[in-house]
């Protein structure tokens, strides 16, 4: 895994409507159902697939620094 990927996280905004689009594309299945959905940061590989799939643009990349 690239070092720069370890210094970011993805967070789902509270405006999430729980459509499940992000959950379906996650290769590590680390997005748990809820309102809003929640990304398990320990399991996430930071691939960004959830970000590109969210049609409401509610998943944001954040720096851990």
N, C-alpha and C. Protein backbone atom coordinates (compact mmCIF):
# COMPACT_ATOMS: atom_id res chain seq x y z
N UNK A 1 0.84 -1.17 0.00
CA UNK A 1 0.00 0.00 0.00
C UNK A 1 0.89 1.24 0.00
N UNK A 2 0.46 2.24 -0.76
CA UNK A 2 1.23 3.46 -0.82
C UNK A 2 1.14 4.23 0.48
N UNK A 3 2.26 4.84 0.85
CA UNK A 3 2.32 5.58 2.10
C UNK A 3 1.30 6.70 2.17
N UNK A 4 1.09 7.43 1.06
CA UNK A 4 0.17 8.56 1.08
C UNK A 4 -1.27 8.11 1.34
N UNK A 5 -1.62 6.89 0.97
CA UNK A 5 -2.96 6.38 1.22
C UNK A 5 -3.20 6.14 2.70
N UNK A 6 -2.16 5.89 3.46
CA UNK A 6 -2.30 5.64 4.88
C UNK A 6 -2.56 6.93 5.66
N UNK A 7 -2.39 8.06 5.02
CA UNK A 7 -2.53 9.33 5.72
C UNK A 7 -3.85 10.03 5.39
N UNK A 8 -4.77 9.29 4.77
CA UNK A 8 -6.08 9.84 4.47
C UNK A 8 -7.16 8.91 5.02
N UNK A 9 -8.34 9.44 5.14
CA UNK A 9 -9.48 8.61 5.49
C UNK A 9 -10.67 9.11 4.68
N UNK A 10 -11.69 8.29 4.59
CA UNK A 10 -12.92 8.69 3.92
C UNK A 10 -14.03 8.67 4.95
N UNK A 11 -14.85 9.72 4.94
CA UNK A 11 -15.92 9.87 5.90
C UNK A 11 -17.22 10.14 5.15
N UNK A 12 -18.28 9.47 5.58
CA UNK A 12 -19.59 9.65 4.96
C UNK A 12 -20.36 10.72 5.72
N UNK A 13 -20.84 11.71 5.00
CA UNK A 13 -21.57 12.83 5.58
C UNK A 13 -22.89 12.37 6.20
N UNK A 14 -23.35 13.09 7.20
CA UNK A 14 -24.60 12.72 7.88
C UNK A 14 -25.83 12.89 7.01
N UNK A 15 -25.69 13.51 5.84
CA UNK A 15 -26.81 13.65 4.90
C UNK A 15 -27.04 12.38 4.09
N UNK A 16 -26.23 11.36 4.34
CA UNK A 16 -26.36 10.06 3.66
C UNK A 16 -27.79 9.53 3.78
N UNK A 17 -28.32 9.01 2.68
CA UNK A 17 -29.68 8.45 2.70
C UNK A 17 -29.65 6.92 2.74
N UNK A 18 -28.48 6.34 2.92
CA UNK A 18 -28.30 4.89 3.03
C UNK A 18 -28.80 4.12 1.81
N UNK A 19 -28.47 4.63 0.63
CA UNK A 19 -28.89 3.95 -0.60
C UNK A 19 -28.11 2.66 -0.83
N UNK A 20 -26.89 2.58 -0.26
CA UNK A 20 -26.09 1.36 -0.37
C UNK A 20 -25.15 1.30 -1.55
N UNK A 21 -25.13 2.32 -2.39
CA UNK A 21 -24.26 2.31 -3.57
C UNK A 21 -22.79 2.16 -3.19
N UNK A 22 -22.35 2.85 -2.16
CA UNK A 22 -20.95 2.77 -1.73
C UNK A 22 -20.64 1.40 -1.14
N UNK A 23 -21.58 0.86 -0.41
CA UNK A 23 -21.41 -0.44 0.26
C UNK A 23 -21.17 -1.56 -0.75
N UNK A 24 -21.85 -1.49 -1.87
CA UNK A 24 -21.75 -2.52 -2.91
C UNK A 24 -20.37 -2.57 -3.56
N UNK A 25 -19.73 -1.41 -3.74
CA UNK A 25 -18.45 -1.37 -4.45
C UNK A 25 -17.23 -1.54 -3.56
N UNK A 26 -17.41 -1.53 -2.26
CA UNK A 26 -16.27 -1.62 -1.34
C UNK A 26 -15.64 -3.02 -1.40
N UNK A 27 -14.37 -3.11 -1.84
CA UNK A 27 -13.73 -4.43 -1.96
C UNK A 27 -13.43 -5.09 -0.61
N UNK A 28 -13.38 -4.32 0.46
CA UNK A 28 -13.09 -4.85 1.80
C UNK A 28 -14.34 -4.98 2.66
N UNK A 29 -15.49 -4.60 2.12
CA UNK A 29 -16.77 -4.69 2.84
C UNK A 29 -16.69 -4.02 4.21
N UNK A 30 -16.11 -2.83 4.23
CA UNK A 30 -15.90 -2.15 5.51
C UNK A 30 -16.89 -1.01 5.75
N UNK A 31 -17.94 -0.95 4.94
CA UNK A 31 -18.95 0.08 5.14
C UNK A 31 -20.17 -0.58 5.79
N UNK A 32 -20.49 -0.12 6.98
CA UNK A 32 -21.61 -0.72 7.70
C UNK A 32 -22.89 0.06 7.47
N UNK A 33 -23.97 -0.69 7.46
CA UNK A 33 -25.29 -0.13 7.22
C UNK A 33 -25.69 0.75 8.39
N UNK A 34 -26.37 1.80 8.10
CA UNK A 34 -26.84 2.73 9.11
C UNK A 34 -27.27 4.02 8.44
N UNK A 35 -27.66 4.96 9.20
CA UNK A 35 -28.05 6.25 8.65
C UNK A 35 -27.31 7.33 9.43
N UNK A 36 -26.17 7.79 8.97
CA UNK A 36 -25.52 7.42 7.70
C UNK A 36 -24.73 6.12 7.82
N UNK A 37 -24.35 5.60 6.65
CA UNK A 37 -23.44 4.46 6.65
C UNK A 37 -22.13 4.91 7.31
N UNK A 38 -21.35 3.95 7.79
CA UNK A 38 -20.09 4.28 8.47
C UNK A 38 -18.97 3.44 7.87
N UNK A 39 -17.83 4.06 7.62
CA UNK A 39 -16.66 3.37 7.09
C UNK A 39 -15.76 2.96 8.25
N UNK A 40 -15.46 1.67 8.34
CA UNK A 40 -14.54 1.17 9.35
C UNK A 40 -13.13 1.53 8.89
N UNK A 41 -12.52 2.50 9.55
CA UNK A 41 -11.22 3.02 9.14
C UNK A 41 -10.09 2.00 9.26
N UNK A 42 -10.23 1.06 10.15
CA UNK A 42 -9.19 0.03 10.33
C UNK A 42 -9.18 -0.97 9.18
N UNK A 43 -10.32 -1.21 8.57
CA UNK A 43 -10.41 -2.16 7.46
C UNK A 43 -10.27 -1.50 6.09
N UNK A 44 -10.54 -0.21 6.03
CA UNK A 44 -10.52 0.52 4.76
C UNK A 44 -9.12 0.54 4.15
N UNK A 45 -9.04 0.24 2.85
CA UNK A 45 -7.75 0.28 2.14
C UNK A 45 -7.58 1.60 1.37
N UNK A 46 -8.53 2.51 1.52
CA UNK A 46 -8.48 3.84 0.92
C UNK A 46 -8.37 3.83 -0.60
N UNK A 47 -9.13 2.95 -1.21
CA UNK A 47 -9.11 2.84 -2.67
C UNK A 47 -9.93 3.94 -3.34
N UNK A 48 -10.89 4.51 -2.62
CA UNK A 48 -11.70 5.60 -3.16
C UNK A 48 -12.88 5.17 -4.01
N UNK A 49 -13.12 3.87 -4.13
CA UNK A 49 -14.25 3.41 -4.95
C UNK A 49 -15.58 3.91 -4.42
N UNK A 50 -15.70 4.01 -3.11
CA UNK A 50 -16.94 4.50 -2.52
C UNK A 50 -17.19 5.97 -2.90
N UNK A 51 -16.12 6.74 -2.96
CA UNK A 51 -16.23 8.16 -3.28
C UNK A 51 -16.78 8.35 -4.69
N UNK A 52 -16.25 7.60 -5.62
CA UNK A 52 -16.70 7.75 -7.01
C UNK A 52 -18.09 7.18 -7.23
N UNK A 53 -18.52 6.26 -6.39
CA UNK A 53 -19.84 5.65 -6.55
C UNK A 53 -20.96 6.48 -5.92
N UNK A 54 -20.66 7.25 -4.90
CA UNK A 54 -21.71 8.03 -4.21
C UNK A 54 -22.25 9.10 -5.14
N UNK A 55 -23.46 8.91 -5.59
CA UNK A 55 -24.07 9.84 -6.55
C UNK A 55 -24.48 11.17 -5.92
N UNK A 56 -24.46 11.22 -4.59
CA UNK A 56 -24.79 12.47 -3.89
C UNK A 56 -23.54 13.21 -3.43
N UNK A 57 -22.36 12.65 -3.73
CA UNK A 57 -21.07 13.26 -3.35
C UNK A 57 -20.98 13.52 -1.85
N UNK A 58 -21.34 12.52 -1.06
CA UNK A 58 -21.36 12.68 0.39
C UNK A 58 -20.20 11.98 1.10
N UNK A 59 -19.29 11.39 0.35
CA UNK A 59 -18.13 10.77 0.96
C UNK A 59 -16.93 11.66 0.67
N UNK A 60 -16.33 12.12 1.73
CA UNK A 60 -15.23 13.07 1.61
C UNK A 60 -13.91 12.48 2.07
N UNK A 61 -12.88 12.86 1.38
CA UNK A 61 -11.51 12.48 1.73
C UNK A 61 -10.98 13.45 2.76
N UNK A 62 -10.41 12.92 3.82
CA UNK A 62 -9.85 13.76 4.88
C UNK A 62 -8.43 13.36 5.18
N UNK A 63 -7.62 14.33 5.50
CA UNK A 63 -6.23 14.07 5.90
C UNK A 63 -6.19 13.68 7.37
N UNK A 64 -5.33 12.72 7.70
CA UNK A 64 -5.16 12.29 9.08
C UNK A 64 -4.07 13.08 9.79
N UNK A 65 -3.44 13.96 9.09
CA UNK A 65 -2.33 14.74 9.67
C UNK A 65 -2.82 15.75 10.69
